[in-house]
Amino acid sequence: MSQKPATDAELWQQSEATCSAQYDKLSAKHDDALAHLSRLADAEAHYRKSHDLYGSDDRRTGRAWDEMRHAGDAARALILSSFVAPEAEGES
């Protein structure tokens, strides 16, 4: 039993469906990255405000620093896992 070759239209439909699925996946990753970067920007603004109001030795400024550091770590982890090829991660 021989299978007939796919027509150009069928190949086009398959290609279009694959591209659409890849676009949707990448778009979701992009949205997640933007959300993490927005959180980082908010945390940085909070740290700067705390530093200006309370100085560098105040506990509230230290907490704001920790919040900013955690937001940065989360953003970096998401970006590396989503947009960097696994083999390229250890090369830097």
PDB file of N, CA and C in Angstrom:
ATOM      1  N   MET A   1       0.838  -1.159   0.000  1.00  0.00           N
ATOM      2  CA  MET A   1       0.000   0.000   0.000  1.00  0.00           C
ATOM      3  C   MET A   1       0.893   1.235   0.000  1.00  0.00           C
ATOM      4  N   SER A   2       0.773   1.994  -0.996  1.00  0.00           N
ATOM      5  CA  SER A   2       1.624   3.164  -1.185  1.00  0.00           C
ATOM      6  C   SER A   2       0.883   4.417  -0.743  1.00  0.00           C
ATOM      7  N   GLN A   3       1.624   5.293  -0.087  1.00  0.00           N
ATOM      8  CA  GLN A   3       1.023   6.547   0.373  1.00  0.00           C
ATOM      9  C   GLN A   3       1.287   7.615  -0.676  1.00  0.00           C
ATOM     10  N   LYS A   4       0.238   8.346  -1.042  1.00  0.00           N
ATOM     11  CA  LYS A   4       0.418   9.382  -2.060  1.00  0.00           C
ATOM     12  C   LYS A   4       1.139  10.582  -1.456  1.00  0.00           C
ATOM     13  N   PRO A   5       1.967  11.243  -2.225  1.00  0.00           N
ATOM     14  CA  PRO A   5       2.691  12.403  -1.713  1.00  0.00           C
ATOM     15  C   PRO A   5       1.725  13.544  -1.383  1.00  0.00           C
ATOM     16  N   ALA A   6       2.108  14.328  -0.398  1.00  0.00           N
ATOM     17  CA  ALA A   6       1.284  15.465   0.008  1.00  0.00           C
ATOM     18  C   ALA A   6       1.282  16.520  -1.090  1.00  0.00           C
ATOM     19  N   THR A   7       0.155  17.147  -1.254  1.00  0.00           N
ATOM     20  CA  THR A   7       0.060  18.223  -2.243  1.00  0.00           C
ATOM     21  C   THR A   7       0.689  19.487  -1.667  1.00  0.00           C
ATOM     22  N   ASP A   8       0.932  20.452  -2.536  1.00  0.00           N
ATOM     23  CA  ASP A   8       1.490  21.725  -2.084  1.00  0.00           C
ATOM     24  C   ASP A   8       0.571  22.397  -1.063  1.00  0.00           C
ATOM     25  N   ALA A   9      -0.727  22.296  -1.284  1.00  0.00           N
ATOM     26  CA  ALA A   9      -1.684  22.912  -0.360  1.00  0.00           C
ATOM     27  C   ALA A   9      -1.616  22.250   1.015  1.00  0.00           C
ATOM     28  N   GLU A  10      -1.488  20.937   1.039  1.00  0.00           N
ATOM     29  CA  GLU A  10      -1.384  20.225   2.316  1.00  0.00           C
ATOM     30  C   GLU A  10      -0.085  20.584   3.041  1.00  0.00           C
ATOM     31  N   LEU A  11       0.993  20.652   2.287  1.00  0.00           N
ATOM     32  CA  LEU A  11       2.276  21.038   2.877  1.00  0.00           C
ATOM     33  C   LEU A  11       2.207  22.459   3.427  1.00  0.00           C
ATOM     34  N   TRP A  12       1.542  23.340   2.691  1.00  0.00           N
ATOM     35  CA  TRP A  12       1.399  24.725   3.138  1.00  0.00           C
ATOM     36  C   TRP A  12       0.604  24.790   4.442  1.00  0.00           C
ATOM     37  N   GLN A  13      -0.480  24.019   4.529  1.00  0.00           N
ATOM     38  CA  GLN A  13      -1.306  23.999   5.740  1.00  0.00           C
ATOM     39  C   GLN A  13      -0.508  23.488   6.939  1.00  0.00           C
ATOM     40  N   GLN A  14       0.267  22.431   6.720  1.00  0.00           N
ATOM     41  CA  GLN A  14       1.083  21.880   7.802  1.00  0.00           C
ATOM     42  C   GLN A  14       2.112  22.908   8.270  1.00  0.00           C
ATOM     43  N   SER A  15       2.745  23.558   7.310  1.00  0.00           N
ATOM     44  CA  SER A  15       3.755  24.563   7.632  1.00  0.00           C
ATOM     45  C   SER A  15       3.135  25.739   8.378  1.00  0.00           C
ATOM     46  N   GLU A  16       1.980  26.173   7.921  1.00  0.00           N
ATOM     47  CA  GLU A  16       1.285  27.292   8.557  1.00  0.00           C
ATOM     48  C   GLU A  16       0.879  26.946   9.992  1.00  0.00           C
ATOM     49  N   ALA A  17       0.400  25.738  10.211  1.00  0.00           N
ATOM     50  CA  ALA A  17       0.001  25.310  11.553  1.00  0.00           C
ATOM     51  C   ALA A  17       1.212  25.242  12.482  1.00  0.00           C
ATOM     52  N   THR A  18       2.319  24.731  11.975  1.00  0.00           N
ATOM     53  CA  THR A  18       3.542  24.647  12.771  1.00  0.00           C
ATOM     54  C   THR A  18       4.042  26.035  13.138  1.00  0.00           C
ATOM     55  N   CYS A  19       4.072  26.932  12.171  1.00  0.00           N
ATOM     56  CA  CYS A  19       4.532  28.305  12.428  1.00  0.00           C
ATOM     57  C   CYS A  19       3.616  29.015  13.421  1.00  0.00           C
ATOM     58  N   SER A  20       2.331  28.798  13.299  1.00  0.00           N
ATOM     59  CA  SER A  20       1.374  29.427  14.206  1.00  0.00           C
ATOM     60  C   SER A  20       1.581  28.939  15.639  1.00  0.00           C
ATOM     61  N   ALA A  21       1.791  27.650  15.801  1.00  0.00           N
ATOM     62  CA  ALA A  21       2.018  27.092  17.135  1.00  0.00           C
ATOM     63  C   ALA A  21       3.322  27.626  17.727  1.00  0.00           C
ATOM     64  N   GLN A  22       4.358  27.706  16.908  1.00  0.00           N
ATOM     65  CA  GLN A  22       5.641  28.233  17.386  1.00  0.00           C
ATOM     66  C   GLN A  22       5.512  29.707  17.757  1.00  0.00           C
ATOM     67  N   TYR A  23       4.772  30.468  16.965  1.00  0.00           N
ATOM     68  CA  TYR A  23       4.557  31.884  17.262  1.00  0.00           C
ATOM     69  C   TYR A  23       3.822  32.052  18.588  1.00  0.00           C
ATOM     70  N   ASP A  24       2.769  31.254  18.796  1.00  0.00           N
ATOM     71  CA  ASP A  24       2.005  31.343  20.042  1.00  0.00           C
ATOM     72  C   ASP A  24       2.883  31.029  21.253  1.00  0.00           C
ATOM     73  N   LYS A  25       3.724  30.008  21.129  1.00  0.00           N
ATOM     74  CA  LYS A  25       4.615  29.621  22.224  1.00  0.00           C
ATOM     75  C   LYS A  25       5.625  30.734  22.515  1.00  0.00           C
ATOM     76  N   LEU A  26       6.216  31.287  21.467  1.00  0.00           N
ATOM     77  CA  LEU A  26       7.191  32.360  21.638  1.00  0.00           C
ATOM     78  C   LEU A  26       6.530  33.622  22.186  1.00  0.00           C
ATOM     79  N   SER A  27       5.321  33.898  21.744  1.00  0.00           N
ATOM     80  CA  SER A  27       4.593  35.067  22.226  1.00  0.00           C
ATOM     81  C   SER A  27       4.309  34.952  23.725  1.00  0.00           C
ATOM     82  N   ALA A  28       3.955  33.763  24.180  1.00  0.00           N
ATOM     83  CA  ALA A  28       3.706  33.549  25.610  1.00  0.00           C
ATOM     84  C   ALA A  28       4.991  33.740  26.413  1.00  0.00           C
ATOM     85  N   LYS A  29       6.109  33.234  25.887  1.00  0.00           N
ATOM     86  CA  LYS A  29       7.396  33.421  26.568  1.00  0.00           C
ATOM     87  C   LYS A  29       7.761  34.900  26.624  1.00  0.00           C
ATOM     88  N   HIS A  30       7.497  35.603  25.539  1.00  0.00           N
ATOM     89  CA  HIS A  30       7.778  37.039  25.476  1.00  0.00           C
ATOM     90  C   HIS A  30       6.964  37.783  26.533  1.00  0.00           C
ATOM     91  N   ASP A  31       5.683  37.448  26.640  1.00  0.00           N
ATOM     92  CA  ASP A  31       4.817  38.091  27.632  1.00  0.00           C
ATOM     93  C   ASP A  31       5.305  37.817  29.057  1.00  0.00           C
ATOM     94  N   ASP A  32       5.732  36.566  29.321  1.00  0.00           N
ATOM     95  CA  ASP A  32       6.271  36.233  30.639  1.00  0.00           C
ATOM     96  C   ASP A  32       7.537  37.037  30.933  1.00  0.00           C
ATOM     97  N   ALA A  33       8.407  37.148  29.932  1.00  0.00           N
ATOM     98  CA  ALA A  33       9.649  37.910  30.114  1.00  0.00           C
ATOM     99  C   ALA A  33       9.342  39.373  30.408  1.00  0.00           C
ATOM    100  N   LEU A  34       8.401  39.943  29.686  1.00  0.00           N
ATOM    101  CA  LEU A  34       8.034  41.341  29.940  1.00  0.00           C
ATOM    102  C   LEU A  34       7.471  41.525  31.343  1.00  0.00           C
ATOM    103  N   ALA A  35       6.680  40.580  31.805  1.00  0.00           N
ATOM    104  CA  ALA A  35       6.119  40.667  33.156  1.00  0.00           C
ATOM    105  C   ALA A  35       7.233  40.615  34.207  1.00  0.00           C
ATOM    106  N   HIS A  36       8.199  39.715  34.007  1.00  0.00           N
ATOM    107  CA  HIS A  36       9.320  39.623  34.946  1.00  0.00           C
ATOM    108  C   HIS A  36      10.171  40.892  34.917  1.00  0.00           C
ATOM    109  N   LEU A  37      10.407  41.423  33.731  1.00  0.00           N
ATOM    110  CA  LEU A  37      11.205  42.645  33.631  1.00  0.00           C
ATOM    111  C   LEU A  37      10.466  43.843  34.221  1.00  0.00           C
ATOM    112  N   SER A  38       9.156  43.861  34.096  1.00  0.00           N
ATOM    113  CA  SER A  38       8.358  44.922  34.710  1.00  0.00           C
ATOM    114  C   SER A  38       8.458  44.843  36.233  1.00  0.00           C
ATOM    115  N   ARG A  39       8.396  43.617  36.754  1.00  0.00           N
ATOM    116  CA  ARG A  39       8.551  43.426  38.203  1.00  0.00           C
ATOM    117  C   ARG A  39       9.932  43.907  38.648  1.00  0.00           C
ATOM    118  N   LEU A  40      10.949  43.610  37.858  1.00  0.00           N
ATOM    119  CA  LEU A  40      12.302  44.064  38.182  1.00  0.00           C
ATOM    120  C   LEU A  40      12.383  45.590  38.178  1.00  0.00           C
ATOM    121  N   ALA A  41      11.782  46.224  37.193  1.00  0.00           N
ATOM    122  CA  ALA A  41      11.793  47.690  37.123  1.00  0.00           C
ATOM    123  C   ALA A  41      11.082  48.299  38.333  1.00  0.00           C
ATOM    124  N   ASP A  42       9.958  47.703  38.728  1.00  0.00           N
ATOM    125  CA  ASP A  42       9.241  48.188  39.911  1.00  0.00           C
ATOM    126  C   ASP A  42      10.086  48.018  41.176  1.00  0.00           C
ATOM    127  N   ALA A  43      10.757  46.877  41.279  1.00  0.00           N
ATOM    128  CA  ALA A  43      11.602  46.624  42.447  1.00  0.00           C
ATOM    129  C   ALA A  43      12.781  47.594  42.490  1.00  0.00           C
ATOM    130  N   GLU A  44      13.341  47.895  41.330  1.00  0.00           N
ATOM    131  CA  GLU A  44      14.446  48.856  41.290  1.00  0.00           C
ATOM    132  C   GLU A  44      13.970  50.244  41.721  1.00  0.00           C
ATOM    133  N   ALA A  45      12.805  50.650  41.239  1.00  0.00           N
ATOM    134  CA  ALA A  45      12.256  51.957  41.626  1.00  0.00           C
ATOM    135  C   ALA A  45      12.016  52.012  43.137  1.00  0.00           C
ATOM    136  N   HIS A  46      11.509  50.916  43.691  1.00  0.00           N
ATOM    137  CA  HIS A  46      11.278  50.851  45.133  1.00  0.00           C
ATOM    138  C   HIS A  46      12.603  50.944  45.889  1.00  0.00           C
ATOM    139  N   TYR A  47      13.624  50.255  45.410  1.00  0.00           N
ATOM    140  CA  TYR A  47      14.938  50.325  46.054  1.00  0.00           C
ATOM    141  C   TYR A  47      15.494  51.747  46.010  1.00  0.00           C
ATOM    142  N   ARG A  48      15.433  52.375  44.846  1.00  0.00           N
ATOM    143  CA  ARG A  48      15.964  53.738  44.723  1.00  0.00           C
ATOM    144  C   ARG A  48      15.234  54.707  45.660  1.00  0.00           C
ATOM    145  N   LYS A  49      13.918  54.551  45.736  1.00  0.00           N
ATOM    146  CA  LYS A  49      13.129  55.417  46.622  1.00  0.00           C
ATOM    147  C   LYS A  49      13.509  55.165  48.084  1.00  0.00           C
ATOM    148  N   SER A  50      13.640  53.895  48.452  1.00  0.00           N
ATOM    149  CA  SER A  50      14.034  53.557  49.825  1.00  0.00           C
ATOM    150  C   SER A  50      15.420  54.096  50.140  1.00  0.00           C
ATOM    151  N   HIS A  51      16.328  53.964  49.199  1.00  0.00           N
ATOM    152  CA  HIS A  51      17.687  54.458  49.407  1.00  0.00           C
ATOM    153  C   HIS A  51      17.680  55.972  49.602  1.00  0.00           C
ATOM    154  N   ASP A  52      16.901  56.665  48.780  1.00  0.00           N
ATOM    155  CA  ASP A  52      16.827  58.127  48.898  1.00  0.00           C
ATOM    156  C   ASP A  52      16.178  58.561  50.217  1.00  0.00           C
ATOM    157  N   LEU A  53      15.142  57.829  50.642  1.00  0.00           N
ATOM    158  CA  LEU A  53      14.421  58.211  51.857  1.00  0.00           C
ATOM    159  C   LEU A  53      15.140  57.807  53.143  1.00  0.00           C
ATOM    160  N   TYR A  54      15.713  56.605  53.158  1.00  0.00           N
ATOM    161  CA  TYR A  54      16.220  56.044  54.401  1.00  0.00           C
ATOM    162  C   TYR A  54      17.739  55.884  54.447  1.00  0.00           C
ATOM    163  N   GLY A  55      18.403  55.983  53.308  1.00  0.00           N
ATOM    164  CA  GLY A  55      19.851  55.782  53.274  1.00  0.00           C
ATOM    165  C   GLY A  55      20.211  54.323  53.052  1.00  0.00           C
ATOM    166  N   SER A  56      21.491  54.090  52.866  1.00  0.00           N
ATOM    167  CA  SER A  56      21.933  52.747  52.490  1.00  0.00           C
ATOM    168  C   SER A  56      21.998  51.778  53.666  1.00  0.00           C
ATOM    169  N   ASP A  57      22.014  52.261  54.893  1.00  0.00           N
ATOM    170  CA  ASP A  57      22.166  51.378  56.050  1.00  0.00           C
ATOM    171  C   ASP A  57      20.847  51.002  56.717  1.00  0.00           C
ATOM    172  N   ASP A  58      19.741  51.435  56.171  1.00  0.00           N
ATOM    173  CA  ASP A  58      18.443  51.158  56.779  1.00  0.00           C
ATOM    174  C   ASP A  58      17.944  49.772  56.373  1.00  0.00           C
ATOM    175  N   ARG A  59      17.259  49.117  57.313  1.00  0.00           N
ATOM    176  CA  ARG A  59      16.714  47.778  57.075  1.00  0.00           C
ATOM    177  C   ARG A  59      15.724  47.768  55.907  1.00  0.00           C
ATOM    178  N   ARG A  60      14.919  48.819  55.783  1.00  0.00           N
ATOM    179  CA  ARG A  60      13.936  48.892  54.690  1.00  0.00           C
ATOM    180  C   ARG A  60      14.628  48.952  53.333  1.00  0.00           C
ATOM    181  N   THR A  61      15.753  49.635  53.274  1.00  0.00           N
ATOM    182  CA  THR A  61      16.519  49.693  52.026  1.00  0.00           C
ATOM    183  C   THR A  61      17.102  48.323  51.712  1.00  0.00           C
ATOM    184  N   GLY A  62      17.560  47.631  52.741  1.00  0.00           N
ATOM    185  CA  GLY A  62      18.082  46.273  52.547  1.00  0.00           C
ATOM    186  C   GLY A  62      17.022  45.320  52.031  1.00  0.00           C
ATOM    187  N   ARG A  63      15.821  45.446  52.561  1.00  0.00           N
ATOM    188  CA  ARG A  63      14.718  44.601  52.076  1.00  0.00           C
ATOM    189  C   ARG A  63      14.380  44.926  50.622  1.00  0.00           C
ATOM    190  N   ALA A  64      14.401  46.212  50.295  1.00  0.00           N
ATOM    191  CA  ALA A  64      14.132  46.609  48.906  1.00  0.00           C
ATOM    192  C   ALA A  64      15.222  46.066  47.981  1.00  0.00           C
ATOM    193  N   TRP A  65      16.465  46.073  48.462  1.00  0.00           N
ATOM    194  CA  TRP A  65      17.572  45.511  47.679  1.00  0.00           C
ATOM    195  C   TRP A  65      17.342  44.016  47.436  1.00  0.00           C
ATOM    196  N   ASP A  66      16.951  43.298  48.496  1.00  0.00           N
ATOM    197  CA  ASP A  66      16.684  41.865  48.356  1.00  0.00           C
ATOM    198  C   ASP A  66      15.553  41.608  47.368  1.00  0.00           C
ATOM    199  N   GLU A  67      14.511  42.425  47.442  1.00  0.00           N
ATOM    200  CA  GLU A  67      13.382  42.295  46.508  1.00  0.00           C
ATOM    201  C   GLU A  67      13.862  42.499  45.067  1.00  0.00           C
ATOM    202  N   MET A  68      14.709  43.505  44.868  1.00  0.00           N
ATOM    203  CA  MET A  68      15.227  43.773  43.529  1.00  0.00           C
ATOM    204  C   MET A  68      16.116  42.621  43.056  1.00  0.00           C
ATOM    205  N   ARG A  69      16.943  42.103  43.954  1.00  0.00           N
ATOM    206  CA  ARG A  69      17.829  40.994  43.594  1.00  0.00           C
ATOM    207  C   ARG A  69      17.024  39.751  43.216  1.00  0.00           C
ATOM    208  N   HIS A  70      16.003  39.447  43.990  1.00  0.00           N
ATOM    209  CA  HIS A  70      15.162  38.281  43.687  1.00  0.00           C
ATOM    210  C   HIS A  70      14.420  38.465  42.359  1.00  0.00           C
ATOM    211  N   ALA A  71      13.929  39.665  42.108  1.00  0.00           N
ATOM    212  CA  ALA A  71      13.242  39.932  40.836  1.00  0.00           C
ATOM    213  C   ALA A  71      14.217  39.776  39.670  1.00  0.00           C
ATOM    214  N   GLY A  72      15.436  40.239  39.842  1.00  0.00           N
ATOM    215  CA  GLY A  72      16.452  40.093  38.798  1.00  0.00           C
ATOM    216  C   GLY A  72      16.820  38.641  38.564  1.00  0.00           C
ATOM    217  N   ASP A  73      16.958  37.879  39.643  1.00  0.00           N
ATOM    218  CA  ASP A  73      17.267  36.452  39.513  1.00  0.00           C
ATOM    219  C   ASP A  73      16.157  35.716  38.767  1.00  0.00           C
ATOM    220  N   ALA A  74      14.909  36.031  39.107  1.00  0.00           N
ATOM    221  CA  ALA A  74      13.773  35.377  38.449  1.00  0.00           C
ATOM    222  C   ALA A  74      13.711  35.747  36.970  1.00  0.00           C
ATOM    223  N   ALA A  75      13.942  37.013  36.658  1.00  0.00           N
ATOM    224  CA  ALA A  75      13.917  37.453  35.259  1.00  0.00           C
ATOM    225  C   ALA A  75      15.035  36.783  34.468  1.00  0.00           C
ATOM    226  N   ARG A  76      16.234  36.745  35.045  1.00  0.00           N
ATOM    227  CA  ARG A  76      17.361  36.124  34.354  1.00  0.00           C
ATOM    228  C   ARG A  76      17.102  34.639  34.111  1.00  0.00           C
ATOM    229  N   ALA A  77      16.599  33.941  35.121  1.00  0.00           N
ATOM    230  CA  ALA A  77      16.318  32.514  34.975  1.00  0.00           C
ATOM    231  C   ALA A  77      15.288  32.266  33.878  1.00  0.00           C
ATOM    232  N   LEU A  78      14.239  33.067  33.857  1.00  0.00           N
ATOM    233  CA  LEU A  78      13.209  32.897  32.829  1.00  0.00           C
ATOM    234  C   LEU A  78      13.774  33.163  31.443  1.00  0.00           C
ATOM    235  N   ILE A  79      14.524  34.233  31.300  1.00  0.00           N
ATOM    236  CA  ILE A  79      15.072  34.584  29.990  1.00  0.00           C
ATOM    237  C   ILE A  79      16.054  33.523  29.518  1.00  0.00           C
ATOM    238  N   LEU A  80      16.930  33.052  30.402  1.00  0.00           N
ATOM    239  CA  LEU A  80      17.893  32.026  30.008  1.00  0.00           C
ATOM    240  C   LEU A  80      17.199  30.725  29.628  1.00  0.00           C
ATOM    241  N   SER A  81      16.168  30.352  30.385  1.00  0.00           N
ATOM    242  CA  SER A  81      15.489  29.091  30.085  1.00  0.00           C
ATOM    243  C   SER A  81      14.594  29.194  28.855  1.00  0.00           C
ATOM    244  N   SER A  82      14.160  30.400  28.525  1.00  0.00           N
ATOM    245  CA  SER A  82      13.217  30.558  27.416  1.00  0.00           C
ATOM    246  C   SER A  82      13.862  30.948  26.100  1.00  0.00           C
ATOM    247  N   PHE A  83      14.933  31.729  26.161  1.00  0.00           N
ATOM    248  CA  PHE A  83      15.445  32.330  24.939  1.00  0.00           C
ATOM    249  C   PHE A  83      16.892  31.981  24.612  1.00  0.00           C
ATOM    250  N   VAL A  84      17.593  31.305  25.499  1.00  0.00           N
ATOM    251  CA  VAL A  84      18.987  30.963  25.247  1.00  0.00           C
ATOM    252  C   VAL A  84      19.073  29.461  25.020  1.00  0.00           C
ATOM    253  N   ALA A  85      19.796  29.077  23.978  1.00  0.00           N
ATOM    254  CA  ALA A  85      19.965  27.656  23.690  1.00  0.00           C
ATOM    255  C   ALA A  85      20.688  26.992  24.866  1.00  0.00           C
ATOM    256  N   PRO A  86      20.261  25.799  25.275  1.00  0.00           N
ATOM    257  CA  PRO A  86      20.866  25.142  26.440  1.00  0.00           C
ATOM    258  C   PRO A  86      22.384  24.991  26.330  1.00  0.00           C
ATOM    259  N   GLU A  87      22.903  24.722  25.154  1.00  0.00           N
ATOM    260  CA  GLU A  87      24.344  24.544  25.005  1.00  0.00           C
ATOM    261  C   GLU A  87      25.100  25.861  25.132  1.00  0.00           C
ATOM    262  N   ALA A  88      24.430  26.996  24.940  1.00  0.00           N
ATOM    263  CA  ALA A  88      25.099  28.298  25.014  1.00  0.00           C
ATOM    264  C   ALA A  88      25.170  28.826  26.443  1.00  0.00           C
ATOM    265  N   GLU A  89      24.400  28.273  27.372  1.00  0.00           N
ATOM    266  CA  GLU A  89      24.354  28.788  28.739  1.00  0.00           C
ATOM    267  C   GLU A  89      25.692  28.668  29.451  1.00  0.00           C
ATOM    268  N   GLY A  90      26.400  27.583  29.265  1.00  0.00           N
ATOM    269  CA  GLY A  90      27.649  27.380  29.975  1.00  0.00           C
ATOM    270  C   GLY A  90      28.853  28.007  29.314  1.00  0.00           C
ATOM    271  N   GLU A  91      28.686  28.645  28.180  1.00  0.00           N
ATOM    272  CA  GLU A  91      29.813  29.176  27.427  1.00  0.00           C
ATOM    273  C   GLU A  91      30.276  30.538  27.886  1.00  0.00           C
ATOM    274  N   SER A  92      29.446  31.303  28.601  1.00  0.00           N
ATOM    275  CA  SER A  92      29.827  32.673  28.946  1.00  0.00           C
ATOM    276  C   SER A  92      30.741  32.774  30.111  1.00  0.00           C
TER     277      SER A  92
END
